[in-house]
Amino acid sequence: MVKLNSLPVISFTSRYPCELTGGIESVVGKLVPLLTAMHPEWNIRSVYAFRRPNRFNRIPFLGDICAGLVLYLRTRTDTLTLVNGAEYAWPRLWRHLMRKSSVVVWHGTRDFEIQALSPRQGVLLRIYATLEHLIVKRAVLASAHIAVSPRVVEEIRHAYAYKEDVTVIVNGAPELNFGYRRNVSLAPSILWIGTNAYKKGFDVAFEAAQIVREKIPNLQFHVAGLETLPISSVPDWVITHGAITRERMMQLYGLAHVTCFTTRYEGCSVAILEAVACKVPSVASEAVAWMFGNEEIACFNSQEFAARMLALLLSKEKAEEVVRRQASMLERFDWTLAASQYSKIISERLREVA
């Protein structure tokens, strides 16, 4: 019997624990047990920087610097580390010897993400963008790179002039099936999810919900992920849930009539995959329309979002048709396939560092 401490230690990092909602957290939370089952000869673990979001670790740039340092200290003796989020890889890559033992998983690029953080690109935001560019650019020194979508690969090449291979491994869809439910005892509801109001398009979603409410007065607008809303007063038909666990997120999917993805920037949205797996009809922005395999479905403003959500809320037949059509997309997002692709890269890297 092989002793545990004799096995190669492979760490998957994330900003927060895997049980919290968040794209990176859900990816790590799914891959670690899958790969552990596939490779008992590896000691695979998940490592996080902060126990939960707070005001300090959400400070732009400073939060990324601290997360990078904490993750480095917690993984510096590991055989191989897959750093989820290029902005957290910089401490490892200052050391030449650790470059071979580092794989960067790009869930997006800060250069393009920052453009979607605020409607006004002021001096402070430009300084933030410059500083982030410097630390993220360090990530290209890693031995291997994984991107969650072809679009992210294009961003890496454009922002950092990176010409080497980048492996595209899209996220998988969860194995969930709540079935489509329109309970007459429940008020019609729209679900919006995000931890950054402007980047995820809260303003567009809120305006669209207001338009829909003119036709459906008892509409409820559920907001998950935001601790505070960027509006002066919160109407009673807007229900906030704040930062929630993944279990609670699944409950919200089960109650939602429509999910609204108004994001201005996204790599590969786990929330969309969860919503579709839960058979909730979804409307989406241009940034994530590729996930549905048809960019013609993209909404570009609040009026378009409102019109499509209204059609889904007023017609059960229309909603069920959309659910069936969107369910077909899940075949392209498979966690077992993703784990196999990760396994191949990890095996190659282990041979390099042996």
Foldseek 3Di string as FASTA:
>chain_A
DDDQVVAAEEEEEDAEDLQFDDDSSVQRVLLQVLLCVVCVSHHYYYYHQDHDDDPQLPPQPNVLASRLVSVCVVPVPGQAYEYEDLSSPQVQLVDVLSQLRYEYEHFAALLVLLVQQDPDCDPVSVVSNVSSLVRSLSSLSHPAYEYQDPVRVVVCCVSNVDDDDYHHFHAAFDQAELDQDDDPVDAAEEEEEDQRPRQQPVVQQVVLVVVLCVVRVQYAYEYEAYPDDPDPDDDPSYHYDHTDTVVVVLVVLSHHQEYEGEGPATRHDRSVSHNLSHLHQYQYALRHVVLQVDSVSHDDGSVSVNVVVNVSRVDVVVSNVRSVSSNVSNVSHHNSVSSVVVVVVVVVSSVVSD
